[in-house]
Amino acid sequence: MAFRPLLVCLCALAIVPGGVSTAASPTPPSPRLRPAAGWTTIGSLLVSLSPRRTEAAASRSSVVAVTAGDATRLQPFALFDSLRRLGPRGIVVLATTIGRHRTRFHFPHARFPLHLSRFRLDRGWEGQPAGNVQQRLRAVAVGGWDLDVRVYFATQHPDRKLLREAQAELDRLRPPAE
């Protein structure tokens, strides 16, 4: 595998605050992404969705896909820090399992594939790592799983080609394995 060094770096990140968490609590399995040319998938990580390093305990099981040209640039991977290093045509897709059959919460029901056009668009948000980074996000319930799915672009104005590339990666997203 050409990106084995990336996986080794990710294992080392378990001790980096704000990167990959070492939370001892049981976590649900991460969503899955089918492999695709032009993308590097980083699977089954514990990634904090908060830019505040003190919130590592809120980490969840995630899968991350990065445009292949950016894979080495993002080593070591720590979500908010890594987004600063995306190339100008870089995309990161992050899908996180929040929980399963959580009746107290009402995530809107959806089906795969998720459509990027239905994601909320954020051109600026608290903790935004750089002004050029655009975030699109959607929280949904799919097959009993509550998921938080985010797409990050290294530009505030992604062209049609970048949007199609991101949608193609979303089309490969699958629910967590039982």
C-alpha atoms as a PDB file:
ATOM      1  CA  MET A   1       0.000   0.000   0.000  1.00  0.00           C
ATOM      2  CA  ALA A   2       1.480   3.324  -1.074  1.00  0.00           C
ATOM      3  CA  PHE A   3       0.162   5.235   1.944  1.00  0.00           C
ATOM      4  CA  ARG A   4       1.317   2.890   4.708  1.00  0.00           C
ATOM      5  CA  PRO A   5       3.549   5.667   6.184  1.00  0.00           C
ATOM      6  CA  LEU A   6       0.412   7.782   6.625  1.00  0.00           C
ATOM      7  CA  LEU A   7      -1.171   5.037   8.715  1.00  0.00           C
ATOM      8  CA  VAL A   8       1.971   4.697  10.830  1.00  0.00           C
ATOM      9  CA  CYS A   9       1.905   8.456  11.487  1.00  0.00           C
ATOM     10  CA  LEU A  10      -1.733   8.238  12.485  1.00  0.00           C
ATOM     11  CA  CYS A  11      -0.963   5.574  15.059  1.00  0.00           C
ATOM     12  CA  ALA A  12       1.669   7.869  16.543  1.00  0.00           C
ATOM     13  CA  LEU A  13      -0.909  10.657  16.810  1.00  0.00           C
ATOM     14  CA  ALA A  14      -2.683   8.880  19.652  1.00  0.00           C
ATOM     15  CA  ILE A  15      -0.567  10.956  22.019  1.00  0.00           C
ATOM     16  CA  VAL A  16      -1.030  14.339  20.286  1.00  0.00           C
ATOM     17  CA  PRO A  17      -3.604  16.590  22.006  1.00  0.00           C
ATOM     18  CA  GLY A  18      -6.292  17.788  19.601  1.00  0.00           C
ATOM     19  CA  GLY A  19      -5.370  15.140  17.048  1.00  0.00           C
ATOM     20  CA  VAL A  20      -6.446  11.563  17.405  1.00  0.00           C
ATOM     21  CA  SER A  21      -7.917  10.828  20.823  1.00  0.00           C
ATOM     22  CA  THR A  22      -7.106   7.937  23.099  1.00  0.00           C
ATOM     23  CA  ALA A  23     -10.473   8.076  24.840  1.00  0.00           C
ATOM     24  CA  ALA A  24     -10.944   4.916  26.871  1.00  0.00           C
ATOM     25  CA  SER A  25     -14.744   4.857  26.556  1.00  0.00           C
ATOM     26  CA  PRO A  26     -16.226   2.432  24.038  1.00  0.00           C
ATOM     27  CA  THR A  27     -16.888   4.039  20.695  1.00  0.00           C
ATOM     28  CA  PRO A  28     -19.211   2.901  17.933  1.00  0.00           C
ATOM     29  CA  PRO A  29     -17.675   1.687  14.676  1.00  0.00           C
ATOM     30  CA  SER A  30     -16.824   4.297  12.072  1.00  0.00           C
ATOM     31  CA  PRO A  31     -18.641   4.722   8.763  1.00  0.00           C
ATOM     32  CA  ARG A  32     -16.848   3.204   5.777  1.00  0.00           C
ATOM     33  CA  LEU A  33     -15.687   4.510   2.409  1.00  0.00           C
ATOM     34  CA  ARG A  34     -15.144   2.323  -0.621  1.00  0.00           C
ATOM     35  CA  PRO A  35     -11.641   2.817  -2.073  1.00  0.00           C
ATOM     36  CA  ALA A  36     -11.297   5.088  -5.093  1.00  0.00           C
ATOM     37  CA  ALA A  37      -8.522   6.321  -7.352  1.00  0.00           C
ATOM     38  CA  GLY A  38      -7.472   9.844  -6.458  1.00  0.00           C
ATOM     39  CA  TRP A  39      -8.373   9.481  -2.772  1.00  0.00           C
ATOM     40  CA  THR A  40      -6.605   8.224   0.324  1.00  0.00           C
ATOM     41  CA  THR A  41      -8.859   6.826   3.035  1.00  0.00           C
ATOM     42  CA  ILE A  42      -7.841   7.001   6.653  1.00  0.00           C
ATOM     43  CA  GLY A  43     -10.154   4.623   8.471  1.00  0.00           C
ATOM     44  CA  SER A  44     -11.467   4.111  11.977  1.00  0.00           C
ATOM     45  CA  LEU A  45      -9.919   7.092  13.740  1.00  0.00           C
ATOM     46  CA  LEU A  46     -10.953   8.770  16.939  1.00  0.00           C
ATOM     47  CA  VAL A  47     -11.185  12.387  15.790  1.00  0.00           C
ATOM     48  CA  SER A  48     -12.277  15.301  17.934  1.00  0.00           C
ATOM     49  CA  LEU A  49     -14.877  17.418  16.137  1.00  0.00           C
ATOM     50  CA  SER A  50     -13.947  20.381  18.297  1.00  0.00           C
ATOM     51  CA  PRO A  51     -11.082  22.719  17.454  1.00  0.00           C
ATOM     52  CA  ARG A  52     -10.556  23.165  21.214  1.00  0.00           C
ATOM     53  CA  ARG A  53      -7.882  20.740  22.313  1.00  0.00           C
ATOM     54  CA  THR A  54      -9.468  20.319  25.748  1.00  0.00           C
ATOM     55  CA  GLU A  55     -12.438  18.480  24.262  1.00  0.00           C
ATOM     56  CA  ALA A  56     -10.657  15.276  23.249  1.00  0.00           C
ATOM     57  CA  ALA A  57     -13.080  13.323  25.447  1.00  0.00           C
ATOM     58  CA  ALA A  58     -15.834  14.209  22.952  1.00  0.00           C
ATOM     59  CA  SER A  59     -14.055  12.239  20.242  1.00  0.00           C
ATOM     60  CA  ARG A  60     -15.946   9.824  18.042  1.00  0.00           C
ATOM     61  CA  SER A  61     -15.053   7.071  15.623  1.00  0.00           C
ATOM     62  CA  SER A  62     -14.529   8.548  12.152  1.00  0.00           C
ATOM     63  CA  VAL A  63     -13.377   7.773   8.661  1.00  0.00           C
ATOM     64  CA  VAL A  64     -11.500  10.428   6.694  1.00  0.00           C
ATOM     65  CA  ALA A  65     -10.907  10.623   2.945  1.00  0.00           C
ATOM     66  CA  VAL A  66      -8.343  13.046   1.566  1.00  0.00           C
ATOM     67  CA  THR A  67      -7.560  13.911  -2.028  1.00  0.00           C
ATOM     68  CA  ALA A  68      -4.521  11.761  -2.799  1.00  0.00           C
ATOM     69  CA  GLY A  69      -2.291  14.701  -3.686  1.00  0.00           C
ATOM     70  CA  ASP A  70      -2.797  16.070  -0.176  1.00  0.00           C
ATOM     71  CA  ALA A  71      -2.225  12.829   1.763  1.00  0.00           C
ATOM     72  CA  THR A  72       1.470  13.384   2.481  1.00  0.00           C
ATOM     73  CA  ARG A  73       0.953  17.124   3.065  1.00  0.00           C
ATOM     74  CA  LEU A  74      -1.477  16.327   5.902  1.00  0.00           C
ATOM     75  CA  GLN A  75       0.888  14.078   7.856  1.00  0.00           C
ATOM     76  CA  PRO A  76       0.603  13.898  10.765  1.00  0.00           C
ATOM     77  CA  PHE A  77      -3.199  14.142  10.599  1.00  0.00           C
ATOM     78  CA  ALA A  78      -4.945  16.382  13.136  1.00  0.00           C
ATOM     79  CA  LEU A  79      -8.182  17.642  11.610  1.00  0.00           C
ATOM     80  CA  PHE A  80      -8.120  21.378  12.225  1.00  0.00           C
ATOM     81  CA  ASP A  81      -4.352  21.720  11.881  1.00  0.00           C
ATOM     82  CA  SER A  82      -4.326  19.572   8.744  1.00  0.00           C
ATOM     83  CA  LEU A  83      -6.949  21.697   6.996  1.00  0.00           C
ATOM     84  CA  ARG A  84      -4.443  24.572   6.956  1.00  0.00           C
ATOM     85  CA  ARG A  85      -2.097  22.428   4.879  1.00  0.00           C
ATOM     86  CA  LEU A  86      -4.575  21.421   2.150  1.00  0.00           C
ATOM     87  CA  GLY A  87      -3.466  22.217  -1.388  1.00  0.00           C
ATOM     88  CA  PRO A  88      -5.589  24.694  -3.383  1.00  0.00           C
ATOM     89  CA  ARG A  89      -7.685  21.870  -4.897  1.00  0.00           C
ATOM     90  CA  GLY A  90      -7.742  19.791  -1.727  1.00  0.00           C
ATOM     91  CA  ILE A  91     -10.827  18.123  -0.275  1.00  0.00           C
ATOM     92  CA  VAL A  92     -11.320  16.310   3.031  1.00  0.00           C
ATOM     93  CA  VAL A  93     -14.415  14.185   3.682  1.00  0.00           C
ATOM     94  CA  LEU A  94     -14.998  13.328   7.339  1.00  0.00           C
ATOM     95  CA  ALA A  95     -17.788  10.968   8.438  1.00  0.00           C
ATOM     96  CA  THR A  96     -18.266  10.375  12.156  1.00  0.00           C
ATOM     97  CA  THR A  97     -20.516   7.946  14.012  1.00  0.00           C
ATOM     98  CA  ILE A  98     -22.225   9.799  16.856  1.00  0.00           C
ATOM     99  CA  GLY A  99     -24.272   6.850  18.107  1.00  0.00           C
ATOM    100  CA  ARG A 100     -26.917   4.248  17.300  1.00  0.00           C
ATOM    101  CA  HIS A 101     -30.674   4.238  17.972  1.00  0.00           C
ATOM    102  CA  ARG A 102     -30.474   7.323  20.162  1.00  0.00           C
ATOM    103  CA  THR A 103     -34.155   8.039  20.727  1.00  0.00           C
ATOM    104  CA  ARG A 104     -33.536  11.269  22.680  1.00  0.00           C
ATOM    105  CA  PHE A 105     -31.981  12.873  19.622  1.00  0.00           C
ATOM    106  CA  HIS A 106     -33.772  13.598  16.392  1.00  0.00           C
ATOM    107  CA  PHE A 107     -31.321  13.550  13.538  1.00  0.00           C
ATOM    108  CA  PRO A 108     -33.183  13.878  10.215  1.00  0.00           C
ATOM    109  CA  HIS A 109     -33.509  10.559   8.406  1.00  0.00           C
ATOM    110  CA  ALA A 110     -31.596  10.164   5.163  1.00  0.00           C
ATOM    111  CA  ARG A 111     -30.386   7.501   2.743  1.00  0.00           C
ATOM    112  CA  PHE A 112     -27.095   6.897   1.042  1.00  0.00           C
ATOM    113  CA  PRO A 113     -25.781   8.464  -1.033  1.00  0.00           C
ATOM    114  CA  LEU A 114     -25.890  11.764   0.804  1.00  0.00           C
ATOM    115  CA  HIS A 115     -26.118  14.739  -1.551  1.00  0.00           C
ATOM    116  CA  LEU A 116     -23.663  17.584  -1.088  1.00  0.00           C
ATOM    117  CA  SER A 117     -26.335  20.058  -2.216  1.00  0.00           C
ATOM    118  CA  ARG A 118     -28.284  19.271   0.990  1.00  0.00           C
ATOM    119  CA  PHE A 119     -25.336  20.014   3.293  1.00  0.00           C
ATOM    120  CA  ARG A 120     -25.176  23.235   5.280  1.00  0.00           C
ATOM    121  CA  LEU A 121     -22.559  25.577   3.841  1.00  0.00           C
ATOM    122  CA  ASP A 122     -20.234  27.395   6.267  1.00  0.00           C
ATOM    123  CA  ARG A 123     -17.812  29.943   4.874  1.00  0.00           C
ATOM    124  CA  GLY A 124     -16.788  30.895   8.407  1.00  0.00           C
ATOM    125  CA  TRP A 125     -17.264  29.200  11.770  1.00  0.00           C
ATOM    126  CA  GLU A 126     -15.826  29.134  15.271  1.00  0.00           C
ATOM    127  CA  GLY A 127     -12.426  27.486  15.194  1.00  0.00           C
ATOM    128  CA  GLN A 128     -12.054  27.828  11.411  1.00  0.00           C
ATOM    129  CA  PRO A 129      -8.382  27.013  10.810  1.00  0.00           C
ATOM    130  CA  ALA A 130      -7.899  29.320   7.803  1.00  0.00           C
ATOM    131  CA  GLY A 131     -10.016  31.820   5.899  1.00  0.00           C
ATOM    132  CA  ASN A 132      -9.804  29.837   2.658  1.00  0.00           C
ATOM    133  CA  VAL A 133     -11.351  26.663   4.167  1.00  0.00           C
ATOM    134  CA  GLN A 134     -15.023  26.071   3.429  1.00  0.00           C
ATOM    135  CA  GLN A 135     -17.010  23.563   5.493  1.00  0.00           C
ATOM    136  CA  ARG A 136     -20.167  21.745   4.457  1.00  0.00           C
ATOM    137  CA  LEU A 137     -21.875  19.582   7.017  1.00  0.00           C
ATOM    138  CA  ARG A 138     -24.878  17.393   7.565  1.00  0.00           C
ATOM    139  CA  ALA A 139     -26.045  15.452  10.622  1.00  0.00           C
ATOM    140  CA  VAL A 140     -28.319  12.544   9.670  1.00  0.00           C
ATOM    141  CA  ALA A 141     -29.748   9.245  10.864  1.00  0.00           C
ATOM    142  CA  VAL A 142     -29.068   6.451   8.382  1.00  0.00           C
ATOM    143  CA  GLY A 143     -30.021   2.855   9.139  1.00  0.00           C
ATOM    144  CA  GLY A 144     -30.277   3.593  12.853  1.00  0.00           C
ATOM    145  CA  TRP A 145     -26.866   5.304  13.012  1.00  0.00           C
ATOM    146  CA  ASP A 146     -26.520   9.000  13.830  1.00  0.00           C
ATOM    147  CA  LEU A 147     -23.770  10.403  11.624  1.00  0.00           C
ATOM    148  CA  ASP A 148     -22.000  13.736  11.339  1.00  0.00           C
ATOM    149  CA  VAL A 149     -20.657  14.134   7.797  1.00  0.00           C
ATOM    150  CA  ARG A 150     -18.456  17.060   6.799  1.00  0.00           C
ATOM    151  CA  VAL A 151     -16.736  18.087   3.594  1.00  0.00           C
ATOM    152  CA  TYR A 152     -13.911  20.620   3.673  1.00  0.00           C
ATOM    153  CA  PHE A 153     -12.594  22.459   0.622  1.00  0.00           C
ATOM    154  CA  ALA A 154      -9.353  24.453   0.522  1.00  0.00           C
ATOM    155  CA  THR A 155     -11.262  27.225  -1.234  1.00  0.00           C
ATOM    156  CA  GLN A 156     -14.309  29.301  -0.411  1.00  0.00           C
ATOM    157  CA  HIS A 157     -15.469  28.929  -4.023  1.00  0.00           C
ATOM    158  CA  PRO A 158     -15.128  25.295  -5.171  1.00  0.00           C
ATOM    159  CA  ASP A 159     -15.730  24.932  -8.895  1.00  0.00           C
ATOM    160  CA  ARG A 160     -18.016  22.310 -10.453  1.00  0.00           C
ATOM    161  CA  LYS A 161     -15.174  19.826 -10.829  1.00  0.00           C
ATOM    162  CA  LEU A 162     -14.309  19.995  -7.106  1.00  0.00           C
ATOM    163  CA  LEU A 163     -17.985  19.670  -6.178  1.00  0.00           C
ATOM    164  CA  ARG A 164     -18.309  16.590  -8.437  1.00  0.00           C
ATOM    165  CA  GLU A 165     -15.191  15.037  -6.879  1.00  0.00           C
ATOM    166  CA  ALA A 166     -16.579  15.560  -3.385  1.00  0.00           C
ATOM    167  CA  GLN A 167     -19.975  14.145  -4.401  1.00  0.00           C
ATOM    168  CA  ALA A 168     -18.317  11.088  -5.944  1.00  0.00           C
ATOM    169  CA  GLU A 169     -16.579  10.433  -2.628  1.00  0.00           C
ATOM    170  CA  LEU A 170     -19.853  10.891  -0.726  1.00  0.00           C
ATOM    171  CA  ASP A 171     -21.396   8.349  -3.118  1.00  0.00           C
ATOM    172  CA  ARG A 172     -18.883   5.780  -1.767  1.00  0.00           C
ATOM    173  CA  LEU A 173     -19.816   6.396   1.883  1.00  0.00           C
ATOM    174  CA  ARG A 174     -21.327   3.386   3.668  1.00  0.00           C
ATOM    175  CA  PRO A 175     -22.773   2.942   7.170  1.00  0.00           C
ATOM    176  CA  PRO A 176     -20.729   1.485  10.006  1.00  0.00           C
ATOM    177  CA  ALA A 177     -20.288  -2.279   9.862  1.00  0.00           C
ATOM    178  CA  GLU A 178     -22.485  -4.148  12.306  1.00  0.00           C
END
